[in-house]
Amino acid sequence: MEKKKLLLLLFCSLLLYAFTKRQPTTLWMMGDSTMAIKDADKYPETGWGVPFATLFKPSVRVRNMAKNGRSTRSFIDEGRWQEIYNQLKSSDYLFIQFGHNDEKVNKPKVGTDIATFKANLSMFVEKAREKGAEPVLLTSIARRNFEQGVLVDTHKGYPAATREVADSLQVPLIDLTEKTNRLLTKLGEWKSEKLFLHLKPGHKNYPEGVVDNTHLNKEGAMAVAKLAVEGIKELKLSLVKEFK
């Protein structure tokens, strides 16, 4: 009888272990349009979070909650942060990338000053850690803003503020501002155009054409996704072993 109980206990333990092993890691993404999933009528505009999600094995489930036009402020005010927070659990990752819209201080329901921006990032980090999740901060991707052949920053002090929060709270940081600065500078003013949403008139979604040096196309999104992967490897996060 005791032997049967032991065998049953062993079987249940193995079953529980197998079930636990099958549970994927959830990687949450929160940010703005440069990261977000797009509606079909916006194609070929592509957020870098879209190809990024395809680079992982099935053991990682990516939940891209980024939305166009959002800042740390509007993400909180609209309840989007609360939605993520309610579902966060131990062993999850939370990738946080804001700044593109926080810098728009002329928009009272969107823009934030630097102090508020840092306070919001700090709150995201601290609340995620309370849940046992692993927050990772990312700086904004660079805009394609060349002046006389030289790439000029448009993000004011927001990437620096993100770095300061990462430093003060000892949060892993992927500096996409710096990485995309290097990429665009290497490509140069005209070759870098291929990464952004530039279309001649006649496209079904953009009949009048478009020249957008903020938002990425499919090629640009993949290029930035690979820079994020590079950052993960540099940080030696546990996600490294989950790439295809």
C-alpha atoms as a PDB file:
ATOM      1  CA  MET A   1       0.000   0.000   0.000  1.00  0.00           C
ATOM      2  CA  GLU A   2       2.813   2.390   0.939  1.00  0.00           C
ATOM      3  CA  LYS A   3       4.555   1.567  -2.320  1.00  0.00           C
ATOM      4  CA  LYS A   4       1.440   2.503  -4.292  1.00  0.00           C
ATOM      5  CA  LYS A   5       1.172   5.795  -2.419  1.00  0.00           C
ATOM      6  CA  LEU A   6       4.807   6.583  -3.165  1.00  0.00           C
ATOM      7  CA  LEU A   7       4.356   5.757  -6.835  1.00  0.00           C
ATOM      8  CA  LEU A   8       1.212   7.910  -6.990  1.00  0.00           C
ATOM      9  CA  LEU A   9       3.025  10.780  -5.282  1.00  0.00           C
ATOM     10  CA  LEU A  10       5.947  10.433  -7.688  1.00  0.00           C
ATOM     11  CA  PHE A  11       3.595  10.403 -10.669  1.00  0.00           C
ATOM     12  CA  CYS A  12       1.792  13.523  -9.447  1.00  0.00           C
ATOM     13  CA  SER A  13       5.097  15.283  -8.846  1.00  0.00           C
ATOM     14  CA  LEU A  14       6.312  14.461 -12.344  1.00  0.00           C
ATOM     15  CA  LEU A  15       3.007  15.596 -13.802  1.00  0.00           C
ATOM     16  CA  LEU A  16       3.188  18.880 -11.905  1.00  0.00           C
ATOM     17  CA  TYR A  17       6.808  19.365 -12.995  1.00  0.00           C
ATOM     18  CA  ALA A  18       5.920  18.704 -16.626  1.00  0.00           C
ATOM     19  CA  PHE A  19       2.994  21.134 -16.446  1.00  0.00           C
ATOM     20  CA  THR A  20       5.179  23.826 -14.882  1.00  0.00           C
ATOM     21  CA  LYS A  21       7.866  23.334 -17.526  1.00  0.00           C
ATOM     22  CA  ARG A  22       5.330  23.858 -20.288  1.00  0.00           C
ATOM     23  CA  GLN A  23       4.244  27.262 -19.030  1.00  0.00           C
ATOM     24  CA  PRO A  24       5.689  29.975 -21.289  1.00  0.00           C
ATOM     25  CA  THR A  25       7.368  33.101 -20.029  1.00  0.00           C
ATOM     26  CA  THR A  26       5.218  36.150 -20.702  1.00  0.00           C
ATOM     27  CA  LEU A  27       6.999  39.208 -22.059  1.00  0.00           C
ATOM     28  CA  TRP A  28       4.832  42.310 -21.789  1.00  0.00           C
ATOM     29  CA  MET A  29       5.567  45.328 -23.976  1.00  0.00           C
ATOM     30  CA  MET A  30       4.255  48.792 -23.176  1.00  0.00           C
ATOM     31  CA  GLY A  31       5.046  51.905 -25.149  1.00  0.00           C
ATOM     32  CA  ASP A  32       4.053  54.019 -28.131  1.00  0.00           C
ATOM     33  CA  SER A  33       3.514  53.711 -31.884  1.00  0.00           C
ATOM     34  CA  THR A  34       7.130  52.853 -32.674  1.00  0.00           C
ATOM     35  CA  MET A  35       6.593  49.562 -30.804  1.00  0.00           C
ATOM     36  CA  ALA A  36       2.886  48.908 -31.384  1.00  0.00           C
ATOM     37  CA  ILE A  37       0.889  46.469 -33.504  1.00  0.00           C
ATOM     38  CA  LYS A  38      -0.770  48.380 -36.370  1.00  0.00           C
ATOM     39  CA  ASP A  39      -4.187  48.149 -37.949  1.00  0.00           C
ATOM     40  CA  ALA A  40      -4.265  46.720 -41.467  1.00  0.00           C
ATOM     41  CA  ASP A  41      -5.063  50.119 -42.984  1.00  0.00           C
ATOM     42  CA  LYS A  42      -1.737  51.487 -41.676  1.00  0.00           C
ATOM     43  CA  TYR A  43       0.447  48.906 -43.464  1.00  0.00           C
ATOM     44  CA  PRO A  44       3.341  49.017 -44.274  1.00  0.00           C
ATOM     45  CA  GLU A  45       3.833  51.033 -41.048  1.00  0.00           C
ATOM     46  CA  THR A  46       5.143  48.464 -38.565  1.00  0.00           C
ATOM     47  CA  GLY A  47       6.018  48.709 -34.883  1.00  0.00           C
ATOM     48  CA  TRP A  48       9.283  46.975 -33.994  1.00  0.00           C
ATOM     49  CA  GLY A  49       7.481  44.874 -31.392  1.00  0.00           C
ATOM     50  CA  VAL A  50       5.773  42.934 -34.199  1.00  0.00           C
ATOM     51  CA  PRO A  51       8.850  41.221 -35.723  1.00  0.00           C
ATOM     52  CA  PHE A  52      10.444  41.106 -32.266  1.00  0.00           C
ATOM     53  CA  ALA A  53       7.719  38.699 -31.123  1.00  0.00           C
ATOM     54  CA  THR A  54       8.557  36.299 -33.961  1.00  0.00           C
ATOM     55  CA  LEU A  55      12.183  35.868 -32.861  1.00  0.00           C
ATOM     56  CA  PHE A  56      11.352  33.790 -29.781  1.00  0.00           C
ATOM     57  CA  LYS A  57      10.676  30.111 -29.313  1.00  0.00           C
ATOM     58  CA  PRO A  58       7.147  29.090 -28.230  1.00  0.00           C
ATOM     59  CA  SER A  59       8.463  29.149 -24.647  1.00  0.00           C
ATOM     60  CA  VAL A  60       8.029  32.949 -24.678  1.00  0.00           C
ATOM     61  CA  ARG A  61       4.632  34.567 -25.175  1.00  0.00           C
ATOM     62  CA  VAL A  62       4.914  38.233 -26.185  1.00  0.00           C
ATOM     63  CA  ARG A  63       2.010  40.501 -25.206  1.00  0.00           C
ATOM     64  CA  ASN A  64       2.459  43.742 -27.116  1.00  0.00           C
ATOM     65  CA  MET A  65       0.255  46.323 -25.367  1.00  0.00           C
ATOM     66  CA  ALA A  66       1.894  49.404 -26.904  1.00  0.00           C
ATOM     67  CA  LYS A  67      -0.471  51.926 -28.534  1.00  0.00           C
ATOM     68  CA  ASN A  68      -0.085  54.760 -30.977  1.00  0.00           C
ATOM     69  CA  GLY A  69       0.289  58.217 -29.472  1.00  0.00           C
ATOM     70  CA  ARG A  70       0.648  57.098 -25.882  1.00  0.00           C
ATOM     71  CA  SER A  71       2.888  58.584 -23.232  1.00  0.00           C
ATOM     72  CA  THR A  72       3.518  57.425 -19.683  1.00  0.00           C
ATOM     73  CA  ARG A  73       0.745  59.797 -18.641  1.00  0.00           C
ATOM     74  CA  SER A  74      -1.940  58.702 -21.106  1.00  0.00           C
ATOM     75  CA  PHE A  75      -1.029  55.042 -20.650  1.00  0.00           C
ATOM     76  CA  ILE A  76      -1.842  55.442 -16.953  1.00  0.00           C
ATOM     77  CA  ASP A  77      -4.876  57.710 -17.390  1.00  0.00           C
ATOM     78  CA  GLU A  78      -6.534  55.375 -19.911  1.00  0.00           C
ATOM     79  CA  GLY A  79      -6.173  52.344 -17.639  1.00  0.00           C
ATOM     80  CA  ARG A  80      -3.724  50.586 -19.948  1.00  0.00           C
ATOM     81  CA  TRP A  81      -1.077  50.290 -17.249  1.00  0.00           C
ATOM     82  CA  GLN A  82      -3.617  48.908 -14.775  1.00  0.00           C
ATOM     83  CA  GLU A  83      -4.651  46.261 -17.306  1.00  0.00           C
ATOM     84  CA  ILE A  84      -1.056  45.037 -17.532  1.00  0.00           C
ATOM     85  CA  TYR A  85      -0.423  45.322 -13.792  1.00  0.00           C
ATOM     86  CA  ASN A  86      -3.485  43.207 -12.980  1.00  0.00           C
ATOM     87  CA  GLN A  87      -2.077  40.358 -15.085  1.00  0.00           C
ATOM     88  CA  LEU A  88       1.620  40.609 -14.203  1.00  0.00           C
ATOM     89  CA  LYS A  89       3.025  37.630 -12.387  1.00  0.00           C
ATOM     90  CA  SER A  90       6.318  36.358 -11.083  1.00  0.00           C
ATOM     91  CA  SER A  91       8.813  35.434 -13.830  1.00  0.00           C
ATOM     92  CA  ASP A  92       7.184  37.786 -16.379  1.00  0.00           C
ATOM     93  CA  TYR A  93       9.241  40.392 -18.203  1.00  0.00           C
ATOM     94  CA  LEU A  94       7.996  43.947 -18.711  1.00  0.00           C
ATOM     95  CA  PHE A  95       9.615  46.014 -21.491  1.00  0.00           C
ATOM     96  CA  ILE A  96       8.896  49.742 -21.038  1.00  0.00           C
ATOM     97  CA  GLN A  97       9.598  52.260 -23.820  1.00  0.00           C
ATOM     98  CA  PHE A  98       8.227  55.794 -23.674  1.00  0.00           C
ATOM     99  CA  GLY A  99       9.400  59.305 -24.505  1.00  0.00           C
ATOM    100  CA  HIS A 100       8.245  59.992 -28.067  1.00  0.00           C
ATOM    101  CA  ASN A 101       4.981  61.457 -26.818  1.00  0.00           C
ATOM    102  CA  ASP A 102       5.920  62.495 -23.296  1.00  0.00           C
ATOM    103  CA  GLU A 103       8.094  65.151 -24.905  1.00  0.00           C
ATOM    104  CA  LYS A 104       4.978  66.751 -26.476  1.00  0.00           C
ATOM    105  CA  VAL A 105       4.368  69.043 -23.497  1.00  0.00           C
ATOM    106  CA  ASN A 106       2.092  71.236 -25.655  1.00  0.00           C
ATOM    107  CA  LYS A 107      -0.476  68.417 -25.464  1.00  0.00           C
ATOM    108  CA  PRO A 108      -1.831  68.646 -21.894  1.00  0.00           C
ATOM    109  CA  LYS A 109      -3.365  65.150 -21.811  1.00  0.00           C
ATOM    110  CA  VAL A 110      -0.256  63.520 -23.260  1.00  0.00           C
ATOM    111  CA  GLY A 111       2.948  65.425 -22.548  1.00  0.00           C
ATOM    112  CA  THR A 112       4.830  65.212 -19.278  1.00  0.00           C
ATOM    113  CA  ASP A 113       7.713  67.184 -17.908  1.00  0.00           C
ATOM    114  CA  ILE A 114      10.939  65.336 -17.167  1.00  0.00           C
ATOM    115  CA  ALA A 115      10.257  64.996 -13.435  1.00  0.00           C
ATOM    116  CA  THR A 116       6.816  63.452 -14.027  1.00  0.00           C
ATOM    117  CA  PHE A 117       8.188  61.210 -16.752  1.00  0.00           C
ATOM    118  CA  LYS A 118      10.828  59.848 -14.369  1.00  0.00           C
ATOM    119  CA  ALA A 119       8.254  59.386 -11.591  1.00  0.00           C
ATOM    120  CA  ASN A 120       5.984  57.417 -13.934  1.00  0.00           C
ATOM    121  CA  LEU A 121       8.819  55.168 -15.133  1.00  0.00           C
ATOM    122  CA  SER A 122       9.882  54.591 -11.528  1.00  0.00           C
ATOM    123  CA  MET A 123       6.330  53.632 -10.583  1.00  0.00           C
ATOM    124  CA  PHE A 124       6.124  51.100 -13.435  1.00  0.00           C
ATOM    125  CA  VAL A 125       9.406  49.551 -12.312  1.00  0.00           C
ATOM    126  CA  GLU A 126       8.553  49.397  -8.611  1.00  0.00           C
ATOM    127  CA  LYS A 127       5.058  48.006  -9.152  1.00  0.00           C
ATOM    128  CA  ALA A 128       6.362  45.365 -11.564  1.00  0.00           C
ATOM    129  CA  ARG A 129       8.937  44.284  -9.014  1.00  0.00           C
ATOM    130  CA  GLU A 130       6.228  44.018  -6.361  1.00  0.00           C
ATOM    131  CA  LYS A 131       4.645  41.365  -8.576  1.00  0.00           C
ATOM    132  CA  GLY A 132       7.980  39.557  -8.978  1.00  0.00           C
ATOM    133  CA  ALA A 133       8.252  40.564 -12.643  1.00  0.00           C
ATOM    134  CA  GLU A 134      11.483  41.734 -14.308  1.00  0.00           C
ATOM    135  CA  PRO A 135      11.208  45.282 -15.725  1.00  0.00           C
ATOM    136  CA  VAL A 136      13.474  46.414 -18.556  1.00  0.00           C
ATOM    137  CA  LEU A 137      13.660  50.065 -19.625  1.00  0.00           C
ATOM    138  CA  LEU A 138      14.222  51.071 -23.248  1.00  0.00           C
ATOM    139  CA  THR A 139      14.956  54.508 -24.624  1.00  0.00           C
ATOM    140  CA  SER A 140      13.068  55.833 -27.657  1.00  0.00           C
ATOM    141  CA  ILE A 141      14.222  54.989 -31.154  1.00  0.00           C
ATOM    142  CA  ALA A 142      15.789  57.884 -33.065  1.00  0.00           C
ATOM    143  CA  ARG A 143      13.862  59.882 -35.605  1.00  0.00           C
ATOM    144  CA  ARG A 144      15.420  60.205 -39.046  1.00  0.00           C
ATOM    145  CA  ASN A 145      16.264  63.865 -38.590  1.00  0.00           C
ATOM    146  CA  PHE A 146      19.328  64.852 -40.603  1.00  0.00           C
ATOM    147  CA  GLU A 147      20.634  68.389 -40.897  1.00  0.00           C
ATOM    148  CA  GLN A 148      23.397  68.944 -43.455  1.00  0.00           C
ATOM    149  CA  GLY A 149      24.078  65.214 -43.408  1.00  0.00           C
ATOM    150  CA  VAL A 150      24.320  64.949 -39.628  1.00  0.00           C
ATOM    151  CA  LEU A 151      21.727  63.097 -37.512  1.00  0.00           C
ATOM    152  CA  VAL A 152      20.247  65.521 -34.971  1.00  0.00           C
ATOM    153  CA  ASP A 153      18.492  64.400 -31.777  1.00  0.00           C
ATOM    154  CA  THR A 154      14.812  65.328 -31.349  1.00  0.00           C
ATOM    155  CA  HIS A 155      14.101  63.706 -27.994  1.00  0.00           C
ATOM    156  CA  LYS A 156      15.355  66.472 -25.718  1.00  0.00           C
ATOM    157  CA  GLY A 157      16.147  65.064 -22.258  1.00  0.00           C
ATOM    158  CA  TYR A 158      13.815  62.064 -22.244  1.00  0.00           C
ATOM    159  CA  PRO A 159      16.290  59.306 -23.175  1.00  0.00           C
ATOM    160  CA  ALA A 160      18.709  60.705 -20.577  1.00  0.00           C
ATOM    161  CA  ALA A 161      15.896  60.669 -18.012  1.00  0.00           C
ATOM    162  CA  THR A 162      15.228  56.996 -18.800  1.00  0.00           C
ATOM    163  CA  ARG A 163      18.911  56.215 -18.310  1.00  0.00           C
ATOM    164  CA  GLU A 164      18.852  58.028 -14.961  1.00  0.00           C
ATOM    165  CA  VAL A 165      15.887  55.980 -13.736  1.00  0.00           C
ATOM    166  CA  ALA A 166      17.585  52.775 -14.883  1.00  0.00           C
ATOM    167  CA  ASP A 167      20.737  53.770 -13.035  1.00  0.00           C
ATOM    168  CA  SER A 168      19.048  54.867  -9.807  1.00  0.00           C
ATOM    169  CA  LEU A 169      16.785  51.802  -9.564  1.00  0.00           C
ATOM    170  CA  GLN A 170      19.298  49.344 -11.031  1.00  0.00           C
ATOM    171  CA  VAL A 171      17.013  48.407 -13.896  1.00  0.00           C
ATOM    172  CA  PRO A 172      18.303  46.668 -17.049  1.00  0.00           C
ATOM    173  CA  LEU A 173      18.424  49.224 -19.862  1.00  0.00           C
ATOM    174  CA  ILE A 174      18.399  48.751 -23.622  1.00  0.00           C
ATOM    175  CA  ASP A 175      19.496  52.071 -25.077  1.00  0.00           C
ATOM    176  CA  LEU A 176      17.649  52.033 -28.387  1.00  0.00           C
ATOM    177  CA  THR A 177      18.236  55.754 -28.822  1.00  0.00           C
ATOM    178  CA  GLU A 178      21.970  55.169 -28.945  1.00  0.00           C
ATOM    179  CA  LYS A 179      21.684  51.983 -31.001  1.00  0.00           C
ATOM    180  CA  THR A 180      19.398  53.542 -33.619  1.00  0.00           C
ATOM    181  CA  ASN A 181      21.535  56.692 -33.695  1.00  0.00           C
ATOM    182  CA  ARG A 182      24.487  54.526 -34.653  1.00  0.00           C
ATOM    183  CA  LEU A 183      22.478  52.596 -37.242  1.00  0.00           C
ATOM    184  CA  LEU A 184      21.068  55.680 -38.965  1.00  0.00           C
ATOM    185  CA  THR A 185      24.431  57.438 -38.904  1.00  0.00           C
ATOM    186  CA  LYS A 186      26.085  54.395 -40.454  1.00  0.00           C
ATOM    187  CA  LEU A 187      23.475  54.212 -43.215  1.00  0.00           C
ATOM    188  CA  GLY A 188      23.541  57.940 -43.789  1.00  0.00           C
ATOM    189  CA  GLU A 189      20.793  60.384 -44.670  1.00  0.00           C
ATOM    190  CA  TRP A 190      19.525  58.745 -47.856  1.00  0.00           C
ATOM    191  CA  LYS A 191      20.071  55.027 -47.260  1.00  0.00           C
ATOM    192  CA  SER A 192      18.366  55.286 -43.851  1.00  0.00           C
ATOM    193  CA  GLU A 193      15.160  56.305 -45.652  1.00  0.00           C
ATOM    194  CA  LYS A 194      14.562  52.631 -46.470  1.00  0.00           C
ATOM    195  CA  LEU A 195      13.757  51.932 -42.797  1.00  0.00           C
ATOM    196  CA  PHE A 196      10.929  54.447 -42.489  1.00  0.00           C
ATOM    197  CA  LEU A 197       7.443  54.971 -43.843  1.00  0.00           C
ATOM    198  CA  HIS A 198       8.179  56.636 -47.179  1.00  0.00           C
ATOM    199  CA  LEU A 199       5.730  55.904 -49.973  1.00  0.00           C
ATOM    200  CA  LYS A 200       5.029  57.453 -53.340  1.00  0.00           C
ATOM    201  CA  PRO A 201       1.420  58.341 -54.230  1.00  0.00           C
ATOM    202  CA  GLY A 202      -0.728  55.411 -55.254  1.00  0.00           C
ATOM    203  CA  HIS A 203      -0.475  53.047 -52.283  1.00  0.00           C
ATOM    204  CA  LYS A 204      -3.921  51.803 -51.264  1.00  0.00           C
ATOM    205  CA  ASN A 205      -3.447  52.903 -47.646  1.00  0.00           C
ATOM    206  CA  TYR A 206      -1.664  56.138 -48.521  1.00  0.00           C
ATOM    207  CA  PRO A 207      -3.100  57.270 -51.872  1.00  0.00           C
ATOM    208  CA  GLU A 208      -1.369  60.639 -51.613  1.00  0.00           C
ATOM    209  CA  GLY A 209       1.916  59.096 -50.505  1.00  0.00           C
ATOM    210  CA  VAL A 210       3.649  59.676 -47.185  1.00  0.00           C
ATOM    211  CA  VAL A 211       6.988  60.897 -45.823  1.00  0.00           C
ATOM    212  CA  ASP A 212       7.265  59.838 -42.175  1.00  0.00           C
ATOM    213  CA  ASN A 213      10.625  59.886 -40.433  1.00  0.00           C
ATOM    214  CA  THR A 214       9.308  58.663 -37.072  1.00  0.00           C
ATOM    215  CA  HIS A 215       7.474  55.465 -37.927  1.00  0.00           C
ATOM    216  CA  LEU A 216       9.096  52.350 -39.308  1.00  0.00           C
ATOM    217  CA  ASN A 217       8.245  50.136 -42.239  1.00  0.00           C
ATOM    218  CA  LYS A 218       8.619  46.357 -42.164  1.00  0.00           C
ATOM    219  CA  GLU A 219      12.360  46.470 -42.855  1.00  0.00           C
ATOM    220  CA  GLY A 220      12.957  49.158 -40.263  1.00  0.00           C
ATOM    221  CA  ALA A 221      10.919  47.324 -37.640  1.00  0.00           C
ATOM    222  CA  MET A 222      13.011  44.190 -38.078  1.00  0.00           C
ATOM    223  CA  ALA A 223      16.230  46.213 -37.903  1.00  0.00           C
ATOM    224  CA  VAL A 224      15.170  47.725 -34.561  1.00  0.00           C
ATOM    225  CA  ALA A 225      13.912  44.357 -33.283  1.00  0.00           C
ATOM    226  CA  LYS A 226      17.395  42.963 -33.915  1.00  0.00           C
ATOM    227  CA  LEU A 227      18.889  45.863 -31.958  1.00  0.00           C
ATOM    228  CA  ALA A 228      16.602  44.968 -29.049  1.00  0.00           C
ATOM    229  CA  VAL A 229      17.816  41.361 -29.279  1.00  0.00           C
ATOM    230  CA  GLU A 230      21.377  42.673 -29.246  1.00  0.00           C
ATOM    231  CA  GLY A 231      20.544  44.574 -26.066  1.00  0.00           C
ATOM    232  CA  ILE A 232      19.073  41.483 -24.413  1.00  0.00           C
ATOM    233  CA  LYS A 233      22.250  39.563 -25.180  1.00  0.00           C
ATOM    234  CA  GLU A 234      24.437  42.368 -23.826  1.00  0.00           C
ATOM    235  CA  LEU A 235      22.438  42.350 -20.586  1.00  0.00           C
ATOM    236  CA  LYS A 236      22.634  38.545 -20.391  1.00  0.00           C
ATOM    237  CA  LEU A 237      18.936  38.297 -19.549  1.00  0.00           C
ATOM    238  CA  SER A 238      17.472  34.819 -19.171  1.00  0.00           C
ATOM    239  CA  LEU A 239      15.577  35.505 -22.410  1.00  0.00           C
ATOM    240  CA  VAL A 240      18.812  34.915 -24.313  1.00  0.00           C
ATOM    241  CA  LYS A 241      18.245  31.158 -24.347  1.00  0.00           C
ATOM    242  CA  GLU A 242      14.708  31.606 -25.687  1.00  0.00           C
ATOM    243  CA  PHE A 243      15.612  32.955 -29.125  1.00  0.00           C
ATOM    244  CA  LYS A 244      15.031  30.741 -32.147  1.00  0.00           C
END
